[in-house]
Protein backbone atom coordinates (compact mmCIF):
# COMPACT_ATOMS: atom_id res chain seq x y z
CA UNK A 1 0.55 -19.37 1.61
CA UNK A 2 3.94 -20.96 1.35
CA UNK A 3 3.10 -23.58 3.95
CA UNK A 4 0.72 -25.12 1.39
CA UNK A 5 1.94 -27.43 -1.38
CA UNK A 6 0.05 -28.33 -4.54
CA UNK A 7 1.52 -31.25 -6.46
CA UNK A 8 0.49 -32.14 -10.01
CA UNK A 9 0.90 -35.91 -10.06
CA UNK A 10 1.20 -36.97 -13.67
CA UNK A 11 2.61 -39.16 -16.39
CA UNK A 12 4.90 -37.69 -19.03
CA UNK A 13 3.27 -37.36 -22.47
CA UNK A 14 4.88 -40.37 -24.12
CA UNK A 15 3.06 -42.10 -27.02
CA UNK A 16 1.84 -45.53 -25.95
CA UNK A 17 2.35 -44.69 -22.26
CA UNK A 18 -0.55 -42.32 -21.56
CA UNK A 19 -4.33 -42.40 -22.03
CA UNK A 20 -4.31 -45.92 -23.47
CA UNK A 21 -8.07 -46.28 -22.93
CA UNK A 22 -8.60 -43.59 -25.58
CA UNK A 23 -6.76 -45.65 -28.18
CA UNK A 24 -8.42 -46.48 -30.51
CA UNK A 25 -9.81 -44.25 -31.95
CA UNK A 26 -7.00 -41.92 -30.86
CA UNK A 27 -3.47 -42.87 -31.81
CA UNK A 28 -0.68 -43.05 -29.28
CA UNK A 29 0.60 -39.72 -30.58
CA UNK A 30 -2.86 -38.17 -30.20
CA UNK A 31 -3.00 -39.33 -26.59
CA UNK A 32 0.44 -37.90 -25.88
CA UNK A 33 -0.53 -34.53 -27.38
CA UNK A 34 -3.66 -34.46 -25.24
CA UNK A 35 -1.69 -35.30 -22.11
CA UNK A 36 0.86 -32.59 -22.84
CA UNK A 37 -1.97 -30.07 -23.22
CA UNK A 38 -3.52 -31.18 -19.93
CA UNK A 39 -0.21 -30.63 -18.15
CA UNK A 40 0.46 -27.23 -19.71
CA UNK A 41 -3.04 -25.99 -18.88
CA UNK A 42 -2.85 -27.34 -15.33
CA UNK A 43 0.42 -25.51 -14.67
CA UNK A 44 -1.06 -22.33 -16.16
CA UNK A 45 -4.23 -22.53 -14.04
CA UNK A 46 -2.54 -23.28 -10.76
CA UNK A 47 0.42 -20.89 -10.85
CA UNK A 48 -1.74 -18.27 -9.14
CA UNK A 49 -2.52 -20.48 -6.15
CA UNK A 50 -1.36 -19.32 -2.74
CA UNK A 51 0.64 -22.54 -2.57
CA UNK A 52 3.94 -23.89 -3.79
CA UNK A 53 3.33 -25.59 -7.14
CA UNK A 54 5.27 -28.77 -7.93
CA UNK A 55 5.16 -31.64 -10.42
CA UNK A 56 5.74 -35.27 -9.47
CA UNK A 57 6.14 -37.32 -12.63
CA UNK A 58 6.67 -40.75 -14.10
CA UNK A 59 8.50 -42.49 -15.64
CA UNK A 60 11.51 -41.46 -13.62
CA UNK A 61 13.68 -40.69 -16.65
CA UNK A 62 11.16 -38.29 -18.25
CA UNK A 63 12.08 -35.15 -16.35
CA UNK A 64 13.29 -33.21 -19.39
CA UNK A 65 9.74 -32.55 -20.61
CA UNK A 66 8.88 -30.72 -17.39
CA UNK A 67 11.87 -28.36 -17.41
CA UNK A 68 9.93 -25.73 -19.39
CA UNK A 69 7.57 -24.98 -16.52
CA UNK A 70 10.05 -23.50 -14.10
CA UNK A 71 8.66 -25.26 -11.03
CA UNK A 72 10.13 -27.90 -8.78
CA UNK A 73 9.82 -31.39 -10.28
CA UNK A 74 10.76 -34.82 -9.04
CA UNK A 75 10.09 -38.45 -10.06
CA UNK A 76 7.45 -40.63 -8.45
CA UNK A 77 9.80 -43.57 -7.95
CA UNK A 78 8.97 -47.25 -7.74
CA UNK A 79 5.80 -48.98 -6.63
CA UNK A 80 2.13 -49.08 -7.52
CA UNK A 81 -0.06 -45.98 -7.69
CA UNK A 82 -0.89 -46.03 -4.00
CA UNK A 83 2.72 -46.37 -2.90
CA UNK A 84 3.80 -43.54 -5.17
CA UNK A 85 1.05 -41.18 -4.00
CA UNK A 86 1.73 -41.84 -0.34
CA UNK A 87 5.45 -41.29 -0.87
CA UNK A 88 4.73 -37.96 -2.54
CA UNK A 89 2.42 -36.76 0.24
CA UNK A 90 4.88 -37.86 2.90
CA UNK A 91 7.76 -36.08 1.17
CA UNK A 92 5.91 -32.77 1.16
CA UNK A 93 4.87 -33.10 4.80
CA UNK A 94 8.47 -33.82 5.77
CA UNK A 95 9.51 -30.66 3.95
CA UNK A 96 7.38 -28.73 6.42
CA UNK A 97 4.24 -28.01 4.41
CA UNK A 98 1.20 -27.78 6.66
CA UNK A 99 -1.36 -28.76 3.99
CA UNK A 100 -0.64 -30.83 0.89
CA UNK A 101 -2.93 -31.47 -2.08
CA UNK A 102 -2.01 -33.92 -4.81
CA UNK A 103 -4.03 -33.94 -8.05
CA UNK A 104 -3.83 -35.46 -11.49
CA UNK A 105 -3.18 -33.34 -14.56
CA UNK A 106 -6.07 -34.82 -16.55
CA UNK A 107 -8.79 -32.79 -14.78
CA UNK A 108 -9.17 -29.90 -17.26
CA UNK A 109 -12.31 -28.51 -15.59
CA UNK A 110 -10.72 -28.24 -12.14
CA UNK A 111 -10.15 -24.60 -11.25
CA UNK A 112 -7.97 -22.74 -8.79
CA UNK A 113 -11.07 -21.96 -6.70
CA UNK A 114 -11.73 -25.69 -6.36
CA UNK A 115 -8.21 -26.24 -5.09
CA UNK A 116 -8.49 -23.35 -2.64
CA UNK A 117 -11.67 -24.97 -1.34
CA UNK A 118 -9.69 -28.16 -0.79
CA UNK A 119 -7.24 -26.31 1.45
CA UNK A 120 -10.14 -24.75 3.38
CA UNK A 121 -11.59 -28.20 4.01
CA UNK A 122 -8.29 -29.24 5.57
CA UNK A 123 -8.85 -26.72 8.35
CA UNK A 124 -11.04 -29.36 9.99
CA UNK A 125 -10.50 -32.57 7.98
CA UNK A 126 -7.55 -34.96 8.18
CA UNK A 127 -7.94 -36.04 4.58
CA UNK A 128 -9.82 -34.55 1.65
CA UNK A 129 -10.81 -36.34 -1.55
CA UNK A 130 -11.82 -34.96 -4.94
CA UNK A 131 -14.23 -37.60 -6.30
CA UNK A 132 -14.14 -38.28 -10.03
CA UNK A 133 -17.25 -39.06 -12.05
CA UNK A 134 -15.96 -42.55 -12.84
CA UNK A 135 -15.77 -43.62 -9.19
CA UNK A 136 -12.12 -42.84 -8.62
CA UNK A 137 -10.67 -39.67 -7.15
CA UNK A 138 -8.70 -36.95 -8.89
CA UNK A 139 -7.28 -35.32 -5.77
CA UNK A 140 -6.21 -36.32 -2.28
CA UNK A 141 -5.03 -33.90 0.36
CA UNK A 142 -3.93 -34.05 3.96
CA UNK A 143 -2.43 -32.19 6.87
CA UNK A 144 -0.96 -35.26 8.57
CA UNK A 145 0.75 -38.54 7.83
CA UNK A 146 -1.79 -41.00 6.45
CA UNK A 147 -1.89 -44.73 7.24
CA UNK A 148 -0.80 -47.28 4.66
CA UNK A 149 -4.29 -48.77 4.56
CA UNK A 150 -5.47 -45.80 2.46
CA UNK A 151 -3.08 -46.84 -0.29
CA UNK A 152 -2.46 -50.57 0.01
CA UNK A 153 -4.79 -53.05 -1.70
CA UNK A 154 -7.06 -50.41 -3.23
CA UNK A 155 -8.67 -51.66 -6.48
CA UNK A 156 -7.13 -48.91 -8.62
CA UNK A 157 -8.80 -48.04 -11.94
CA UNK A 158 -12.16 -49.38 -10.81
CA UNK A 159 -15.41 -47.57 -9.87
CA UNK A 160 -14.86 -48.54 -6.21
CA UNK A 161 -11.68 -46.52 -5.61
CA UNK A 162 -13.21 -43.43 -4.01
CA UNK A 163 -15.82 -45.17 -1.86
CA UNK A 164 -13.30 -47.76 -0.66
CA UNK A 165 -10.70 -45.11 0.14
CA UNK A 166 -13.12 -42.86 2.00
CA UNK A 167 -14.54 -45.81 3.97
CA UNK A 168 -11.06 -46.90 5.00
CA UNK A 169 -10.18 -43.38 6.11
CA UNK A 170 -13.30 -43.13 8.26
CA UNK A 171 -12.70 -46.61 9.63
CA UNK A 172 -9.25 -45.46 10.74
CA UNK A 173 -10.82 -42.61 12.69
CA UNK A 174 -9.84 -39.87 10.25
CA UNK A 175 -12.07 -36.89 9.58
CA UNK A 176 -12.82 -36.80 5.85
CA UNK A 177 -14.17 -34.16 3.48
CA UNK A 178 -15.04 -34.00 -0.20
CA UNK A 179 -14.24 -31.52 -2.91
CA UNK A 180 -16.74 -31.26 -5.77
CA UNK A 181 -17.11 -34.20 -8.14
CA UNK A 182 -15.21 -33.52 -11.35
CA UNK A 183 -14.52 -35.06 -14.75
CA UNK A 184 -11.26 -36.86 -15.35
CA UNK A 185 -10.49 -37.88 -18.91
CA UNK A 186 -9.80 -41.59 -19.34
CA UNK A 187 -12.45 -42.80 -21.79
CA UNK A 188 -13.93 -41.59 -25.06
CA UNK A 189 -17.16 -40.50 -23.38
CA UNK A 190 -15.07 -38.35 -21.03
CA UNK A 191 -13.43 -36.69 -24.02
CA UNK A 192 -16.86 -36.04 -25.53
CA UNK A 193 -18.04 -34.43 -22.29
CA UNK A 194 -14.88 -32.33 -22.17
CA UNK A 195 -15.40 -31.11 -25.73
CA UNK A 196 -18.93 -30.03 -24.84
CA UNK A 197 -17.60 -28.13 -21.82
CA UNK A 198 -15.15 -26.15 -24.05
CA UNK A 199 -12.18 -26.08 -21.64
CA UNK A 200 -10.11 -23.56 -23.61
CA UNK A 201 -6.33 -23.29 -23.56
CA UNK A 202 -3.98 -25.83 -25.09
CA UNK A 203 -6.51 -28.58 -24.39
CA UNK A 204 -9.10 -26.86 -26.56
CA UNK A 205 -6.68 -26.66 -29.46
CA UNK A 206 -5.97 -30.39 -29.30
CA UNK A 207 -9.66 -31.25 -29.02
CA UNK A 208 -10.47 -29.08 -32.04
CA UNK A 209 -7.70 -30.77 -34.00
CA UNK A 210 -8.92 -34.24 -33.05
CA UNK A 211 -12.55 -33.35 -33.83
CA UNK A 212 -11.65 -32.64 -37.43
CA UNK A 213 -10.38 -36.19 -37.86
CA UNK A 214 -12.17 -38.38 -35.32
CA UNK A 215 -15.86 -38.67 -34.43
CA UNK A 216 -16.37 -38.56 -30.67
């Protein structure tokens, strides 16, 4: 449905800029290759969605990498993570999309069916979260403008992110819903779990390459 938007919210695969918690033992170049694979696989998986696929990226001057995908792309702009996510959601709502989901690229086990479920949840919920195993969330979706309190002062990159965000939403009188808990890849143990899950695609090729050189 073209009144649905799905935005991959991601960093460009720049050595030293992405997946820093995996280094060491991965090098900056390893991390960038892994990030590039995540993005390519995410675009491949979600092209079939009944939604308009977009990429919102940072840093703002890194747009050239995303040209190969043939989808609408735009920079995240200034501000912390919360400010940038809210700006992205607001932009898509202003463009007339009835339901908007925003998800990271580093969720290789997230499928199109999971995303479709997120849109279904928005039939009755004001905001939907995709909880990550580490206590954060990998996806946020909405059908309405969300208050600043969902994005301001959140302890980003901590195990409290999801619980704090959901509690604030409920405290503001919003109806919330949850997608399934999923693995995001930030730490070495996450990469080990991903290898065991055999994700396939470009990500699998990078993992196989890394496994020949690094024990994880």
